[in-house]
């Protein structure tokens, strides 16, 4: 089962990815975590991305695709994965689709976690207070949400046209959202 989670920051992607990973025994592939692990392990890719991140720049799409491809070749991803945090743009989605075709895999389902900006802002401000995250200011959160709507939201249509998109009401509690995801995964398993 190859799963992709889409949604704005504060929609619960990380929370749900962890639960799907634990429940279905497939690895959560969070691109930020992967970059940090590649750098720490000093893999050739890690050595390549380290100076990019140290300069505060975004890792080029091609490198991200190589990183994901490398991760999907690990034995624990043989039965599936849950991808969280990538793709964020249409060119990234096209590159991901192409790479998956090359390695003989495809996305089983893409969950679009749908939640209002107001709830995202509320959740992120709460997280900022609890985790003392200085980057989660109201202004920074609004900027990231605007970026999501402009750059990432078009991917919902991209995956809808492929017939793999499942919208999820992500404004409920984590348990309610997970129940909706599980119900959808049971339907997908029947197909």
N, C-alpha and C. Protein backbone atom coordinates (compact mmCIF):
# COMPACT_ATOMS: atom_id res chain seq x y z
N UNK A 1 0.85 -1.18 0.00
CA UNK A 1 0.00 0.00 0.00
C UNK A 1 0.90 1.24 0.00
N UNK A 2 0.86 2.00 -1.07
CA UNK A 2 1.68 3.20 -1.21
C UNK A 2 0.80 4.44 -1.04
N UNK A 3 1.01 5.14 0.08
CA UNK A 3 0.11 6.21 0.50
C UNK A 3 0.85 7.55 0.50
N UNK A 4 0.14 8.58 0.05
CA UNK A 4 0.66 9.94 0.09
C UNK A 4 -0.33 10.79 0.88
N UNK A 5 0.19 11.62 1.79
CA UNK A 5 -0.66 12.55 2.54
C UNK A 5 -0.41 13.97 2.06
N UNK A 6 -1.48 14.65 1.67
CA UNK A 6 -1.43 16.05 1.30
C UNK A 6 -2.24 16.85 2.30
N UNK A 7 -1.82 18.06 2.57
CA UNK A 7 -2.58 18.92 3.46
C UNK A 7 -1.70 20.05 3.94
N UNK A 8 -2.32 21.14 4.35
CA UNK A 8 -1.53 22.28 4.84
C UNK A 8 -0.87 21.95 6.18
N UNK A 9 0.12 22.77 6.56
CA UNK A 9 0.71 22.61 7.88
C UNK A 9 -0.39 22.78 8.91
N UNK A 10 -0.41 21.90 9.91
CA UNK A 10 -1.44 21.97 10.93
C UNK A 10 -2.63 21.07 10.62
N UNK A 11 -2.59 20.38 9.46
CA UNK A 11 -3.71 19.50 9.11
C UNK A 11 -3.60 18.14 9.77
N UNK A 12 -2.42 17.83 10.34
CA UNK A 12 -2.25 16.56 11.03
C UNK A 12 -1.55 15.50 10.19
N UNK A 13 -0.87 15.91 9.11
CA UNK A 13 -0.18 14.93 8.25
C UNK A 13 0.79 14.06 9.03
N UNK A 14 1.66 14.69 9.80
CA UNK A 14 2.67 13.93 10.55
C UNK A 14 2.05 12.97 11.54
N UNK A 15 1.04 13.44 12.25
CA UNK A 15 0.32 12.60 13.23
C UNK A 15 -0.30 11.39 12.54
N UNK A 16 -1.00 11.63 11.43
CA UNK A 16 -1.69 10.54 10.73
C UNK A 16 -0.69 9.60 10.05
N UNK A 17 0.41 10.15 9.52
CA UNK A 17 1.43 9.30 8.88
C UNK A 17 2.01 8.33 9.89
N UNK A 18 2.28 8.82 11.11
CA UNK A 18 2.82 7.95 12.16
C UNK A 18 1.82 6.84 12.50
N UNK A 19 0.55 7.18 12.58
CA UNK A 19 -0.47 6.18 12.93
C UNK A 19 -0.64 5.14 11.82
N UNK A 20 -0.65 5.60 10.57
CA UNK A 20 -0.77 4.67 9.43
C UNK A 20 0.43 3.73 9.44
N UNK A 21 1.62 4.30 9.63
CA UNK A 21 2.86 3.51 9.66
C UNK A 21 2.78 2.43 10.73
N UNK A 22 2.37 2.81 11.93
CA UNK A 22 2.29 1.86 13.05
C UNK A 22 1.21 0.80 12.81
N UNK A 23 0.05 1.22 12.34
CA UNK A 23 -1.09 0.32 12.16
C UNK A 23 -0.87 -0.68 11.01
N UNK A 24 -0.25 -0.22 9.92
CA UNK A 24 -0.15 -1.05 8.72
C UNK A 24 1.27 -1.59 8.49
N UNK A 25 2.20 -1.26 9.37
CA UNK A 25 3.54 -1.81 9.27
C UNK A 25 4.31 -1.37 8.04
N UNK A 26 4.06 -0.14 7.60
CA UNK A 26 4.81 0.42 6.47
C UNK A 26 5.53 1.67 6.96
N UNK A 27 6.72 1.97 6.41
CA UNK A 27 7.47 3.10 6.93
C UNK A 27 6.86 4.45 6.57
N UNK A 28 6.97 5.37 7.51
CA UNK A 28 6.63 6.77 7.25
C UNK A 28 7.86 7.38 6.59
N UNK A 29 7.65 7.99 5.45
CA UNK A 29 8.75 8.64 4.75
C UNK A 29 8.50 10.14 4.82
N UNK A 30 9.13 10.75 5.82
CA UNK A 30 9.02 12.20 6.03
C UNK A 30 10.30 12.80 5.49
N UNK A 31 10.19 13.60 4.43
CA UNK A 31 11.38 14.06 3.72
C UNK A 31 12.33 14.85 4.61
N UNK A 32 11.83 15.65 5.51
CA UNK A 32 12.70 16.41 6.41
C UNK A 32 13.55 15.49 7.28
N UNK A 33 12.91 14.45 7.82
CA UNK A 33 13.63 13.47 8.64
C UNK A 33 14.68 12.74 7.81
N UNK A 34 14.30 12.42 6.55
CA UNK A 34 15.22 11.70 5.67
C UNK A 34 16.47 12.53 5.37
N UNK A 35 16.27 13.83 5.15
CA UNK A 35 17.42 14.70 4.87
C UNK A 35 18.37 14.72 6.07
N UNK A 36 17.80 14.87 7.25
CA UNK A 36 18.63 14.89 8.47
C UNK A 36 19.37 13.56 8.66
N UNK A 37 18.68 12.44 8.39
CA UNK A 37 19.30 11.11 8.54
C UNK A 37 20.41 10.90 7.51
N UNK A 38 20.19 11.33 6.27
CA UNK A 38 21.20 11.17 5.21
C UNK A 38 22.46 11.97 5.56
N UNK A 39 22.26 13.16 6.12
CA UNK A 39 23.39 14.00 6.51
C UNK A 39 24.13 13.35 7.68
N UNK A 40 23.38 12.88 8.68
CA UNK A 40 23.99 12.26 9.86
C UNK A 40 24.76 10.99 9.48
N UNK A 41 24.22 10.22 8.52
CA UNK A 41 24.85 8.96 8.09
C UNK A 41 25.98 9.21 7.09
N UNK A 42 26.10 10.45 6.66
CA UNK A 42 27.14 10.83 5.70
C UNK A 42 27.05 10.02 4.40
N UNK A 43 25.80 9.74 3.95
CA UNK A 43 25.63 9.06 2.66
C UNK A 43 26.08 10.03 1.57
N UNK A 44 26.38 9.53 0.36
CA UNK A 44 26.77 10.45 -0.73
C UNK A 44 25.72 11.55 -0.94
N UNK A 45 24.44 11.15 -0.87
CA UNK A 45 23.37 12.13 -1.02
C UNK A 45 23.36 13.12 0.14
N UNK A 46 23.59 12.61 1.35
CA UNK A 46 23.64 13.46 2.54
C UNK A 46 24.75 14.50 2.42
N UNK A 47 25.91 14.06 1.93
CA UNK A 47 27.03 14.99 1.75
C UNK A 47 26.70 16.05 0.69
N UNK A 48 25.90 15.66 -0.28
CA UNK A 48 25.51 16.59 -1.35
C UNK A 48 24.51 17.65 -0.86
N UNK A 49 23.55 17.23 0.00
CA UNK A 49 22.51 18.18 0.44
C UNK A 49 22.93 19.03 1.64
N UNK A 50 23.93 18.56 2.40
CA UNK A 50 24.33 19.28 3.61
C UNK A 50 24.66 20.75 3.35
N UNK A 51 25.53 21.07 2.37
CA UNK A 51 25.85 22.49 2.15
C UNK A 51 24.65 23.30 1.67
N UNK A 52 23.74 22.66 0.94
CA UNK A 52 22.54 23.34 0.45
C UNK A 52 21.70 23.80 1.65
N UNK A 53 21.47 22.87 2.59
CA UNK A 53 20.68 23.18 3.78
C UNK A 53 21.40 24.18 4.68
N UNK A 54 22.72 24.05 4.77
CA UNK A 54 23.48 24.99 5.61
C UNK A 54 23.39 26.42 5.09
N UNK A 55 23.20 26.55 3.77
CA UNK A 55 23.03 27.89 3.17
C UNK A 55 21.59 28.38 3.33
N UNK A 56 20.72 27.51 3.88
CA UNK A 56 19.31 27.89 4.07
C UNK A 56 18.50 27.81 2.79
N UNK A 57 19.01 27.07 1.81
CA UNK A 57 18.32 26.95 0.52
C UNK A 57 17.47 25.68 0.51
N UNK A 58 16.56 25.61 -0.48
CA UNK A 58 15.74 24.41 -0.65
C UNK A 58 16.54 23.38 -1.43
N UNK A 59 16.37 22.12 -1.07
CA UNK A 59 17.03 21.03 -1.78
C UNK A 59 16.37 20.91 -3.15
N UNK A 60 17.18 20.87 -4.23
CA UNK A 60 16.60 20.76 -5.57
C UNK A 60 15.72 19.51 -5.72
N UNK A 61 14.68 19.64 -6.55
CA UNK A 61 13.71 18.54 -6.74
C UNK A 61 14.39 17.23 -7.11
N UNK A 62 15.37 17.30 -8.01
CA UNK A 62 16.05 16.08 -8.46
C UNK A 62 16.70 15.33 -7.31
N UNK A 63 17.32 16.08 -6.39
CA UNK A 63 17.95 15.45 -5.23
C UNK A 63 16.90 14.83 -4.31
N UNK A 64 15.77 15.52 -4.14
CA UNK A 64 14.70 14.98 -3.28
C UNK A 64 14.18 13.67 -3.87
N UNK A 65 13.99 13.64 -5.19
CA UNK A 65 13.51 12.43 -5.86
C UNK A 65 14.52 11.29 -5.66
N UNK A 66 15.83 11.61 -5.82
CA UNK A 66 16.87 10.59 -5.60
C UNK A 66 16.82 10.07 -4.17
N UNK A 67 16.62 10.96 -3.23
CA UNK A 67 16.56 10.59 -1.82
C UNK A 67 15.37 9.66 -1.56
N UNK A 68 14.23 9.99 -2.13
CA UNK A 68 13.02 9.16 -1.95
C UNK A 68 13.22 7.81 -2.63
N UNK A 69 13.79 7.82 -3.84
CA UNK A 69 14.04 6.56 -4.57
C UNK A 69 14.95 5.66 -3.71
N UNK A 70 16.02 6.24 -3.16
CA UNK A 70 16.96 5.49 -2.32
C UNK A 70 16.22 4.88 -1.13
N UNK A 71 15.32 5.67 -0.52
CA UNK A 71 14.58 5.20 0.66
C UNK A 71 13.60 4.08 0.30
N UNK A 72 12.96 4.19 -0.88
CA UNK A 72 11.98 3.18 -1.29
C UNK A 72 12.64 1.85 -1.64
N UNK A 73 13.94 1.88 -1.89
CA UNK A 73 14.66 0.64 -2.22
C UNK A 73 15.05 -0.14 -0.96
N UNK A 74 14.86 0.45 0.21
CA UNK A 74 15.17 -0.26 1.45
C UNK A 74 14.12 -1.35 1.70
N UNK A 75 14.53 -2.48 2.30
CA UNK A 75 13.64 -3.63 2.46
C UNK A 75 12.33 -3.32 3.19
N UNK A 76 12.35 -2.43 4.19
CA UNK A 76 11.13 -2.17 4.97
C UNK A 76 10.05 -1.48 4.15
N UNK A 77 10.41 -0.93 2.97
CA UNK A 77 9.42 -0.24 2.13
C UNK A 77 8.87 -1.15 1.03
N UNK A 78 9.26 -2.43 1.04
CA UNK A 78 8.84 -3.35 -0.02
C UNK A 78 7.31 -3.50 -0.09
N UNK A 79 6.65 -3.48 1.07
CA UNK A 79 5.20 -3.68 1.09
C UNK A 79 4.41 -2.38 1.07
N UNK A 80 5.13 -1.25 1.01
CA UNK A 80 4.43 0.02 0.95
C UNK A 80 5.12 1.08 1.78
N UNK A 81 4.52 2.27 1.75
CA UNK A 81 5.08 3.42 2.46
C UNK A 81 3.99 4.46 2.63
N UNK A 82 4.24 5.38 3.54
CA UNK A 82 3.37 6.55 3.67
C UNK A 82 4.28 7.77 3.55
N UNK A 83 4.06 8.54 2.50
CA UNK A 83 4.89 9.69 2.16
C UNK A 83 4.24 10.95 2.71
N UNK A 84 5.05 11.73 3.43
CA UNK A 84 4.55 12.90 4.14
C UNK A 84 5.53 14.06 3.93
N UNK A 85 5.07 15.16 3.32
CA UNK A 85 5.93 16.33 3.15
C UNK A 85 6.46 16.52 1.74
N UNK A 86 6.15 15.62 0.84
CA UNK A 86 6.58 15.71 -0.56
C UNK A 86 5.59 14.92 -1.38
N UNK A 87 5.18 15.39 -2.53
CA UNK A 87 5.56 16.60 -3.24
C UNK A 87 4.82 17.83 -2.71
N UNK A 88 5.39 19.01 -3.00
CA UNK A 88 4.76 20.27 -2.62
C UNK A 88 4.37 21.12 -3.83
N UNK A 89 4.86 20.73 -5.01
CA UNK A 89 4.57 21.49 -6.23
C UNK A 89 4.23 20.52 -7.36
N UNK A 90 3.61 21.04 -8.42
CA UNK A 90 3.26 20.20 -9.57
C UNK A 90 4.51 19.58 -10.22
N UNK A 91 5.60 20.34 -10.44
CA UNK A 91 6.80 19.68 -11.00
C UNK A 91 7.31 18.54 -10.11
N UNK A 92 7.23 18.71 -8.78
CA UNK A 92 7.65 17.63 -7.88
C UNK A 92 6.72 16.42 -8.02
N UNK A 93 5.43 16.66 -8.16
CA UNK A 93 4.46 15.56 -8.31
C UNK A 93 4.74 14.81 -9.61
N UNK A 94 5.01 15.55 -10.69
CA UNK A 94 5.34 14.91 -11.97
C UNK A 94 6.60 14.07 -11.84
N UNK A 95 7.62 14.62 -11.17
CA UNK A 95 8.89 13.90 -10.99
C UNK A 95 8.68 12.64 -10.13
N UNK A 96 7.85 12.76 -9.09
CA UNK A 96 7.56 11.61 -8.24
C UNK A 96 6.83 10.53 -9.04
N UNK A 97 5.81 10.92 -9.81
CA UNK A 97 5.06 9.96 -10.65
C UNK A 97 6.01 9.22 -11.58
N UNK A 98 6.90 9.97 -12.21
CA UNK A 98 7.85 9.41 -13.16
C UNK A 98 8.80 8.42 -12.48
N UNK A 99 9.34 8.83 -11.32
CA UNK A 99 10.26 7.95 -10.59
C UNK A 99 9.55 6.68 -10.14
N UNK A 100 8.31 6.80 -9.65
CA UNK A 100 7.57 5.61 -9.21
C UNK A 100 7.34 4.65 -10.38
N UNK A 101 7.01 5.21 -11.57
CA UNK A 101 6.85 4.36 -12.76
C UNK A 101 8.15 3.63 -13.08
N UNK A 102 9.27 4.36 -12.98
CA UNK A 102 10.58 3.76 -13.28
C UNK A 102 10.89 2.58 -12.37
N UNK A 103 10.47 2.65 -11.11
CA UNK A 103 10.77 1.55 -10.19
C UNK A 103 9.59 0.57 -10.06
N UNK A 104 8.61 0.72 -10.94
CA UNK A 104 7.50 -0.23 -10.98
C UNK A 104 6.53 -0.13 -9.82
N UNK A 105 6.33 1.09 -9.31
CA UNK A 105 5.38 1.28 -8.21
C UNK A 105 4.43 2.41 -8.58
N UNK A 106 3.34 2.47 -7.86
CA UNK A 106 2.41 3.58 -8.05
C UNK A 106 1.73 3.89 -6.72
N UNK A 107 1.18 5.09 -6.63
CA UNK A 107 0.47 5.46 -5.41
C UNK A 107 -0.86 4.72 -5.38
N UNK A 108 -1.15 4.09 -4.25
CA UNK A 108 -2.41 3.38 -4.06
C UNK A 108 -3.51 4.39 -3.74
N UNK A 109 -3.18 5.33 -2.86
CA UNK A 109 -4.17 6.32 -2.44
C UNK A 109 -3.45 7.60 -2.00
N UNK A 110 -4.08 8.73 -2.31
CA UNK A 110 -3.59 10.04 -1.87
C UNK A 110 -4.68 10.64 -0.99
N UNK A 111 -4.37 10.83 0.28
CA UNK A 111 -5.32 11.44 1.19
C UNK A 111 -5.11 12.94 1.21
N UNK A 112 -6.16 13.69 0.92
CA UNK A 112 -6.12 15.16 1.01
C UNK A 112 -6.77 15.54 2.32
N UNK A 113 -5.94 15.93 3.31
CA UNK A 113 -6.45 16.31 4.62
C UNK A 113 -7.00 17.73 4.50
N UNK A 114 -8.31 17.84 4.63
CA UNK A 114 -8.97 19.12 4.42
C UNK A 114 -9.37 19.74 5.75
N UNK A 115 -8.91 20.97 5.94
CA UNK A 115 -9.15 21.67 7.20
C UNK A 115 -9.06 23.16 6.91
N UNK A 116 -9.82 23.96 7.64
CA UNK A 116 -9.81 25.40 7.40
C UNK A 116 -8.51 26.03 7.86
N UNK A 117 -8.16 27.15 7.25
CA UNK A 117 -6.96 27.89 7.66
C UNK A 117 -7.05 28.26 9.15
N UNK A 118 -8.25 28.62 9.60
CA UNK A 118 -8.43 29.04 11.00
C UNK A 118 -8.01 27.93 11.96
N UNK A 119 -8.45 26.68 11.65
CA UNK A 119 -8.10 25.56 12.52
C UNK A 119 -6.60 25.29 12.43
N UNK A 120 -6.01 25.37 11.24
CA UNK A 120 -4.55 25.17 11.09
C UNK A 120 -3.80 26.19 11.94
N UNK A 121 -4.21 27.45 11.85
CA UNK A 121 -3.53 28.51 12.60
C UNK A 121 -3.64 28.24 14.10
N UNK A 122 -4.84 27.88 14.54
CA UNK A 122 -5.08 27.57 15.96
C UNK A 122 -4.17 26.42 16.42
N UNK A 123 -4.12 25.35 15.62
CA UNK A 123 -3.30 24.19 15.99
C UNK A 123 -1.81 24.55 16.02
N UNK A 124 -1.36 25.30 15.01
CA UNK A 124 0.07 25.65 14.93
C UNK A 124 0.49 26.60 16.04
N UNK A 125 -0.39 27.53 16.41
CA UNK A 125 -0.07 28.43 17.53
C UNK A 125 -0.01 27.64 18.84
N UNK A 126 -0.91 26.66 18.99
CA UNK A 126 -0.89 25.81 20.18
C UNK A 126 0.42 25.01 20.21
N UNK A 127 0.81 24.45 19.05
CA UNK A 127 2.06 23.69 18.96
C UNK A 127 3.25 24.60 19.29
N UNK A 128 3.21 25.83 18.79
CA UNK A 128 4.30 26.79 19.04
C UNK A 128 4.46 27.04 20.53
N UNK A 129 3.31 27.19 21.23
CA UNK A 129 3.37 27.40 22.68
C UNK A 129 3.90 26.17 23.40
N UNK A 130 3.37 24.99 23.03
CA UNK A 130 3.75 23.75 23.72
C UNK A 130 5.20 23.36 23.46
N UNK A 131 5.64 23.54 22.20
CA UNK A 131 6.99 23.10 21.82
C UNK A 131 7.98 24.25 21.77
N UNK A 132 7.51 25.45 22.14
CA UNK A 132 8.35 26.65 22.10
C UNK A 132 9.05 26.80 20.76
N UNK A 133 8.24 26.77 19.67
CA UNK A 133 8.80 26.88 18.32
C UNK A 133 8.75 28.33 17.87
N UNK A 134 9.90 28.97 17.77
CA UNK A 134 9.94 30.39 17.41
C UNK A 134 9.51 30.67 15.97
N UNK A 135 9.56 29.63 15.09
CA UNK A 135 9.20 29.85 13.69
C UNK A 135 7.69 29.86 13.46
N UNK A 136 6.92 29.43 14.46
CA UNK A 136 5.47 29.38 14.31
C UNK A 136 4.81 30.67 14.82
N UNK A 137 5.16 31.80 14.20
CA UNK A 137 4.49 33.06 14.52
C UNK A 137 3.23 33.14 13.65
N UNK A 138 2.23 33.93 14.05
CA UNK A 138 1.03 34.05 13.22
C UNK A 138 1.37 34.48 11.78
N UNK A 139 2.32 35.39 11.62
CA UNK A 139 2.69 35.88 10.28
C UNK A 139 3.32 34.74 9.46
N UNK A 140 4.25 34.02 10.07
CA UNK A 140 4.93 32.92 9.36
C UNK A 140 3.93 31.82 8.99
N UNK A 141 3.00 31.54 9.89
CA UNK A 141 1.98 30.51 9.62
C UNK A 141 1.12 30.94 8.44
N UNK A 142 0.67 32.20 8.43
CA UNK A 142 -0.16 32.68 7.31
C UNK A 142 0.60 32.60 5.99
N UNK A 143 1.89 32.95 6.02
CA UNK A 143 2.71 32.89 4.81
C UNK A 143 2.80 31.45 4.30
N UNK A 144 3.03 30.50 5.22
CA UNK A 144 3.13 29.09 4.81
C UNK A 144 1.79 28.57 4.28
N UNK A 145 0.69 29.02 4.87
CA UNK A 145 -0.63 28.60 4.38
C UNK A 145 -0.89 29.17 2.98
N UNK A 146 -0.50 30.43 2.76
CA UNK A 146 -0.66 31.03 1.43
C UNK A 146 0.16 30.25 0.40
N UNK A 147 1.38 29.88 0.78
CA UNK A 147 2.25 29.10 -0.09
C UNK A 147 1.60 27.75 -0.40
N UNK A 148 1.03 27.10 0.62
CA UNK A 148 0.34 25.82 0.41
C UNK A 148 -0.79 25.99 -0.61
N UNK A 149 -1.63 27.02 -0.41
CA UNK A 149 -2.77 27.21 -1.32
C UNK A 149 -2.29 27.46 -2.75
N UNK A 150 -1.21 28.21 -2.89
CA UNK A 150 -0.71 28.57 -4.22
C UNK A 150 0.04 27.41 -4.89
N UNK A 151 0.93 26.75 -4.14
CA UNK A 151 1.84 25.76 -4.73
C UNK A 151 1.36 24.31 -4.62
N UNK A 152 0.80 23.94 -3.45
CA UNK A 152 0.52 22.53 -3.18
C UNK A 152 -0.93 22.15 -3.44
N UNK A 153 -1.86 23.03 -3.16
CA UNK A 153 -3.28 22.70 -3.34
C UNK A 153 -3.61 22.22 -4.76
N UNK A 154 -2.96 22.76 -5.81
CA UNK A 154 -3.24 22.25 -7.16
C UNK A 154 -2.97 20.74 -7.32
N UNK A 155 -2.18 20.16 -6.42
CA UNK A 155 -1.90 18.72 -6.51
C UNK A 155 -3.15 17.89 -6.22
N UNK A 156 -4.10 18.47 -5.50
CA UNK A 156 -5.35 17.74 -5.23
C UNK A 156 -6.00 17.36 -6.57
N UNK A 157 -6.06 18.30 -7.48
CA UNK A 157 -6.64 18.03 -8.81
C UNK A 157 -5.75 17.06 -9.59
N UNK A 158 -4.44 17.22 -9.48
CA UNK A 158 -3.47 16.33 -10.15
C UNK A 158 -3.77 14.87 -9.80
N UNK A 159 -3.96 14.60 -8.51
CA UNK A 159 -4.20 13.22 -8.09
C UNK A 159 -5.66 12.80 -8.28
N UNK A 160 -6.59 13.75 -8.28
CA UNK A 160 -7.99 13.42 -8.55
C UNK A 160 -8.10 12.86 -9.98
N UNK A 161 -7.39 13.49 -10.93
CA UNK A 161 -7.45 13.03 -12.32
C UNK A 161 -6.83 11.64 -12.47
N UNK A 162 -5.95 11.25 -11.56
CA UNK A 162 -5.36 9.90 -11.60
C UNK A 162 -6.27 8.87 -10.92
N UNK A 163 -7.34 9.35 -10.28
CA UNK A 163 -8.29 8.43 -9.65
C UNK A 163 -7.84 7.86 -8.32
N UNK A 164 -6.86 8.51 -7.66
CA UNK A 164 -6.36 7.97 -6.39
C UNK A 164 -6.64 8.89 -5.21
N UNK A 165 -7.31 10.02 -5.43
CA UNK A 165 -7.51 11.00 -4.37
C UNK A 165 -8.70 10.64 -3.48
N UNK A 166 -8.48 10.73 -2.17
CA UNK A 166 -9.56 10.55 -1.19
C UNK A 166 -9.52 11.74 -0.24
N UNK A 167 -10.55 12.61 -0.29
CA UNK A 167 -10.59 13.73 0.66
C UNK A 167 -10.91 13.23 2.06
N UNK A 168 -10.28 13.83 3.06
CA UNK A 168 -10.50 13.45 4.46
C UNK A 168 -10.81 14.72 5.25
N UNK A 169 -11.85 14.67 6.06
CA UNK A 169 -12.19 15.80 6.93
C UNK A 169 -11.20 15.79 8.08
N UNK A 170 -10.26 16.72 8.07
CA UNK A 170 -9.17 16.70 9.06
C UNK A 170 -9.40 17.69 10.19
N UNK A 171 -10.64 18.18 10.34
CA UNK A 171 -10.89 19.15 11.40
C UNK A 171 -11.32 18.50 12.71
N UNK A 172 -11.49 17.18 12.69
CA UNK A 172 -11.88 16.48 13.92
C UNK A 172 -10.67 16.13 14.77
N UNK A 173 -10.90 15.30 15.77
CA UNK A 173 -9.80 14.85 16.64
C UNK A 173 -8.92 13.89 15.84
N UNK A 174 -7.68 13.68 16.28
CA UNK A 174 -6.81 12.71 15.58
C UNK A 174 -7.47 11.34 15.43
N UNK A 175 -8.21 10.89 16.45
CA UNK A 175 -8.88 9.58 16.36
C UNK A 175 -9.98 9.58 15.30
N UNK A 176 -10.74 10.66 15.21
CA UNK A 176 -11.81 10.75 14.21
C UNK A 176 -11.21 10.76 12.80
N UNK A 177 -10.14 11.51 12.62
CA UNK A 177 -9.49 11.58 11.30
C UNK A 177 -8.93 10.20 10.93
N UNK A 178 -8.29 9.53 11.89
CA UNK A 178 -7.71 8.22 11.61
C UNK A 178 -8.80 7.21 11.27
N UNK A 179 -9.95 7.29 11.93
CA UNK A 179 -11.06 6.37 11.63
C UNK A 179 -11.51 6.55 10.19
N UNK A 180 -11.56 7.80 9.72
CA UNK A 180 -11.96 8.07 8.33
C UNK A 180 -10.91 7.50 7.36
N UNK A 181 -9.63 7.65 7.70
CA UNK A 181 -8.54 7.12 6.87
C UNK A 181 -8.63 5.59 6.82
N UNK A 182 -8.84 4.97 7.99
CA UNK A 182 -8.93 3.50 8.03
C UNK A 182 -10.09 2.99 7.19
N UNK A 183 -11.23 3.66 7.27
CA UNK A 183 -12.40 3.24 6.48
C UNK A 183 -12.07 3.32 4.99
N UNK A 184 -11.38 4.38 4.58
CA UNK A 184 -11.00 4.54 3.17
C UNK A 184 -10.00 3.46 2.76
N UNK A 185 -9.05 3.13 3.64
CA UNK A 185 -8.05 2.10 3.31
C UNK A 185 -8.69 0.73 3.17
N UNK A 186 -9.73 0.46 3.96
CA UNK A 186 -10.46 -0.80 3.81
C UNK A 186 -11.13 -0.87 2.44
N UNK A 187 -11.68 0.26 1.97
CA UNK A 187 -12.31 0.32 0.64
C UNK A 187 -11.25 0.08 -0.45
N UNK A 188 -10.08 0.69 -0.27
CA UNK A 188 -9.01 0.56 -1.26
C UNK A 188 -8.54 -0.89 -1.32
N UNK A 189 -8.45 -1.55 -0.16
CA UNK A 189 -8.00 -2.95 -0.09
C UNK A 189 -8.96 -3.87 -0.84
N UNK A 190 -10.25 -3.50 -0.89
CA UNK A 190 -11.27 -4.31 -1.55
C UNK A 190 -11.13 -4.21 -3.07
N UNK A 191 -10.67 -3.03 -3.55
CA UNK A 191 -10.56 -2.80 -5.00
C UNK A 191 -9.68 -3.81 -5.69
